[in-house]
Amino acid sequence: MHQTFGEHAWRRNHLLFLQMFHKHPLRSFVFQLQIAKHKGEILGVVVVESGWGSILPTVILANMMNGGPAARSGKLSIGDQIMSINGTSLVGLPLATCQGIIKGLKNQTQVKLNIVSCPPVTTVLIKRPDLKYQLGFSVQNGIICSLMRGGIAERGGVRVGHRIIEINGQSVVATAHEKIVQALSNSVGEIHMKTMPAAMFRLLTGQETPLYI
């Protein structure tokens, strides 16, 4: 699902989030690092959206170019969420804007990043007491394409744009769409899922060629 917001709305949402995040417990996990690079050299990363429904609406590091500044530093890992670059917050900004900020680093020799270190796979726990409770999200070809606000799925950590990797310990990477839907529809109690951004999944499985910036 894709939503387009006006510049005013983006600024308002961005400021509101920063106010909330200032008191958020995850704030203590943000750490700063510095990466050295040559002038004219790209940072050598691919970033993707964290997915609608994320606690942190910012970009995720999905790939690093071998021998590039990001990889050479040894300080970053796939799945890290980038909060800011050289003092510019990326929280709440559109993916294209974040990519533009990263591209603008080409002539810099030092890059300061504030990141939250996260694994590439997101663990989801949906509590569904009974079949009468709607899961509150829809899936197409293994990818979560919509999410009901306030539903049990949103509370459990489901994110739009993520690829489902596992359901209750069973891999569904090669499972047909119908069987994924059936497995979810018939599940009650605690439903454990593992997901990751679909764009990251395609990169990691070689379905997509990385375009480094």
Protein backbone atom coordinates (compact mmCIF):
# COMPACT_ATOMS: atom_id res chain seq x y z
CA MET A 1 0.00 0.00 0.00
CA HIS A 2 1.38 3.41 -0.97
CA GLN A 3 0.34 6.73 0.48
CA THR A 4 1.36 10.15 -0.80
CA PHE A 5 1.43 13.07 1.59
CA GLY A 6 1.88 16.78 0.93
CA GLU A 7 5.03 18.50 2.13
CA HIS A 8 3.14 20.14 5.00
CA ALA A 9 1.79 16.78 6.19
CA TRP A 10 5.25 15.22 6.05
CA ARG A 11 6.72 18.05 8.12
CA ARG A 12 3.91 17.84 10.68
CA ASN A 13 4.15 14.04 11.01
CA HIS A 14 7.93 14.27 11.21
CA LEU A 15 7.82 16.80 14.08
CA LEU A 16 5.16 14.82 15.95
CA PHE A 17 7.23 11.65 15.69
CA LEU A 18 10.39 13.37 16.90
CA GLN A 19 8.50 14.64 19.95
CA MET A 20 7.27 11.12 20.75
CA PHE A 21 10.62 9.47 20.00
CA HIS A 22 12.42 11.82 22.41
CA LYS A 23 10.69 9.93 25.25
CA HIS A 24 10.56 6.53 23.54
CA PRO A 25 12.51 3.65 25.20
CA LEU A 26 14.12 2.79 21.84
CA ARG A 27 15.90 6.14 21.94
CA SER A 28 18.48 4.64 24.31
CA PHE A 29 19.49 2.18 21.58
CA VAL A 30 20.42 4.89 19.09
CA PHE A 31 24.16 5.20 18.67
CA GLN A 32 26.36 7.41 16.55
CA LEU A 33 29.12 6.24 14.27
CA GLN A 34 31.43 7.91 11.80
CA ILE A 35 32.43 6.55 8.41
CA ALA A 36 35.47 7.77 6.47
CA LYS A 37 35.30 7.90 2.68
CA HIS A 38 37.14 9.41 -0.27
CA LYS A 39 35.84 12.56 -1.89
CA GLY A 40 33.73 11.65 -4.93
CA GLU A 41 33.06 8.14 -3.57
CA ILE A 42 29.50 6.94 -2.97
CA LEU A 43 28.63 5.57 0.46
CA GLY A 44 27.87 2.21 -1.18
CA VAL A 45 24.53 1.27 0.33
CA VAL A 46 21.00 0.29 -0.64
CA VAL A 47 18.22 1.49 1.66
CA VAL A 48 14.55 0.46 1.73
CA GLU A 49 11.45 1.61 3.60
CA SER A 50 10.87 0.14 7.05
CA GLY A 51 7.21 -0.45 6.14
CA TRP A 52 3.98 1.22 7.21
CA GLY A 53 3.21 0.19 10.77
CA SER A 54 6.83 0.33 11.92
CA ILE A 55 7.72 1.80 15.30
CA LEU A 56 10.49 3.72 13.56
CA PRO A 57 9.34 5.15 10.20
CA THR A 58 12.77 5.47 8.63
CA VAL A 59 14.99 3.69 6.11
CA ILE A 60 16.66 0.33 6.64
CA LEU A 61 20.09 -0.70 5.36
CA ALA A 62 19.34 -3.49 2.88
CA ASN A 63 22.69 -4.03 1.14
CA MET A 64 26.29 -2.81 1.11
CA MET A 65 28.71 -2.64 -1.80
CA ASN A 66 31.79 -4.82 -1.40
CA GLY A 67 34.75 -2.54 -0.77
CA GLY A 68 32.56 0.54 -0.38
CA PRO A 69 32.93 2.96 2.56
CA ALA A 70 29.96 1.51 4.48
CA ALA A 71 31.23 -2.07 4.15
CA ARG A 72 34.88 -1.08 4.78
CA SER A 73 33.97 0.57 8.06
CA GLY A 74 32.76 -2.71 9.56
CA LYS A 75 30.38 -0.66 11.70
CA LEU A 76 27.10 -1.31 9.88
CA SER A 77 24.94 -4.40 9.48
CA ILE A 78 22.07 -5.32 7.17
CA GLY A 79 18.85 -4.39 8.96
CA ASP A 80 20.22 -1.31 10.73
CA GLN A 81 17.75 1.57 10.80
CA ILE A 82 19.24 4.96 9.91
CA MET A 83 17.86 7.77 12.06
CA SER A 84 19.98 10.65 10.80
CA ILE A 85 22.90 11.51 8.53
CA ASN A 86 25.27 14.39 9.32
CA GLY A 87 22.67 15.82 11.68
CA THR A 88 19.76 15.59 9.21
CA SER A 89 16.94 13.40 10.53
CA LEU A 90 15.53 10.81 8.12
CA VAL A 91 12.63 9.87 10.40
CA GLY A 92 9.29 10.15 8.63
CA LEU A 93 10.79 11.22 5.30
CA PRO A 94 9.86 9.54 1.98
CA LEU A 95 12.32 6.94 0.67
CA ALA A 96 13.25 9.09 -2.35
CA THR A 97 14.13 12.03 -0.06
CA CYS A 98 16.35 9.79 2.10
CA GLN A 99 18.06 8.42 -1.00
CA GLY A 100 18.67 11.97 -2.20
CA ILE A 101 20.30 12.89 1.11
CA ILE A 102 22.61 9.85 0.87
CA LYS A 103 23.51 10.66 -2.75
CA GLY A 104 24.41 14.17 -1.62
CA LEU A 105 27.24 12.74 0.51
CA LYS A 106 29.41 11.99 -2.53
CA ASN A 107 31.82 14.89 -1.96
CA GLN A 108 32.03 14.37 1.81
CA THR A 109 35.00 12.64 3.43
CA GLN A 110 33.33 11.97 6.79
CA VAL A 111 29.76 10.76 7.33
CA LYS A 112 28.11 10.73 10.76
CA LEU A 113 25.21 8.33 11.19
CA ASN A 114 22.76 7.82 14.04
CA ILE A 115 21.44 4.28 13.81
CA VAL A 116 19.36 1.73 15.67
CA SER A 117 20.95 -1.68 15.28
CA CYS A 118 18.27 -4.20 14.26
CA PRO A 119 18.28 -7.70 12.74
CA PRO A 120 17.11 -7.87 9.10
CA VAL A 121 14.23 -10.16 10.09
CA THR A 122 11.32 -8.75 12.12
CA THR A 123 9.66 -11.05 14.66
CA VAL A 124 5.88 -10.69 14.84
CA LEU A 125 3.58 -12.08 17.54
CA ILE A 126 -0.15 -11.91 16.86
CA LYS A 127 -2.49 -12.91 19.68
CA ARG A 128 -5.75 -14.23 18.26
CA PRO A 129 -8.05 -15.65 20.97
CA ASP A 130 -10.64 -16.99 18.53
CA LEU A 131 -11.32 -17.32 14.79
CA LYS A 132 -14.00 -14.64 15.11
CA TYR A 133 -11.20 -12.07 15.53
CA GLN A 134 -10.06 -10.72 12.18
CA LEU A 135 -6.31 -10.82 11.66
CA GLY A 136 -6.56 -7.35 10.17
CA PHE A 137 -4.13 -7.57 7.27
CA SER A 138 -4.07 -8.86 3.71
CA VAL A 139 -1.39 -10.81 1.86
CA GLN A 140 -0.57 -11.09 -1.83
CA ASN A 141 2.14 -13.52 -2.96
CA GLY A 142 3.59 -13.60 0.53
CA ILE A 143 3.77 -9.81 0.84
CA ILE A 144 1.68 -7.87 3.37
CA CYS A 145 -0.19 -5.31 1.28
CA SER A 146 -2.64 -3.71 3.73
CA LEU A 147 -3.10 -3.39 7.47
CA MET A 148 -6.11 -2.48 9.58
CA ARG A 149 -5.39 0.28 12.07
CA GLY A 150 -5.79 -0.81 15.69
CA GLY A 151 -6.17 -4.49 14.77
CA ILE A 152 -4.41 -7.42 16.41
CA ALA A 153 -1.94 -7.62 13.51
CA GLU A 154 -0.83 -4.00 13.87
CA ARG A 155 -0.42 -4.49 17.63
CA GLY A 156 1.63 -7.62 16.96
CA GLY A 157 4.14 -5.81 14.74
CA VAL A 158 2.89 -6.58 11.21
CA ARG A 159 4.21 -4.09 8.64
CA VAL A 160 2.95 -3.24 5.17
CA GLY A 161 5.46 -4.07 2.43
CA HIS A 162 7.09 -6.92 4.35
CA ARG A 163 7.58 -10.43 2.96
CA ILE A 164 6.47 -13.25 5.26
CA ILE A 165 9.39 -15.64 5.80
CA GLU A 166 8.01 -17.96 8.48
CA ILE A 167 4.70 -18.78 10.13
CA ASN A 168 4.88 -20.65 13.46
CA GLY A 169 8.39 -21.89 12.76
CA GLN A 170 7.62 -23.14 9.25
CA SER A 171 9.27 -21.47 6.25
CA VAL A 172 6.77 -20.13 3.71
CA VAL A 173 9.32 -18.69 1.28
CA ALA A 174 8.42 -21.27 -1.38
CA THR A 175 4.79 -21.74 -0.28
CA ALA A 176 1.90 -20.97 -2.63
CA HIS A 177 -0.22 -17.89 -1.88
CA GLU A 178 -3.34 -19.97 -1.17
CA LYS A 179 -1.55 -22.09 1.43
CA ILE A 180 -0.18 -19.01 3.21
CA VAL A 181 -3.68 -17.52 3.39
CA GLN A 182 -5.08 -20.84 4.64
CA ALA A 183 -2.40 -21.19 7.32
CA LEU A 184 -3.10 -17.69 8.60
CA SER A 185 -6.89 -17.97 8.40
CA ASN A 186 -6.96 -21.17 10.47
CA SER A 187 -4.48 -20.05 13.14
CA VAL A 188 -5.61 -19.17 16.66
CA GLY A 189 -3.79 -18.44 19.90
CA GLU A 190 -0.29 -17.05 19.41
CA ILE A 191 0.75 -16.69 15.78
CA HIS A 192 4.51 -16.29 15.39
CA MET A 193 5.77 -14.83 12.12
CA LYS A 194 9.08 -13.65 10.75
CA THR A 195 9.06 -10.97 8.07
CA MET A 196 11.42 -8.59 6.30
CA PRO A 197 10.96 -5.72 3.84
CA ALA A 198 10.07 -7.25 0.46
CA ALA A 199 12.71 -5.14 -1.31
CA MET A 200 15.38 -6.45 1.09
CA PHE A 201 14.20 -10.03 0.54
CA ARG A 202 14.55 -9.64 -3.25
CA LEU A 203 18.08 -8.25 -2.84
CA LEU A 204 19.21 -10.97 -0.44
CA THR A 205 17.81 -13.74 -2.66
CA GLY A 206 19.32 -12.34 -5.86
CA GLN A 207 15.96 -11.51 -7.45
CA GLU A 208 16.95 -7.86 -7.75
CA THR A 209 20.23 -6.17 -8.67
CA PRO A 210 21.33 -3.67 -6.02
CA LEU A 211 21.63 -0.04 -7.10
CA TYR A 212 24.17 1.42 -4.69
CA ILE A 213 24.13 5.06 -3.65
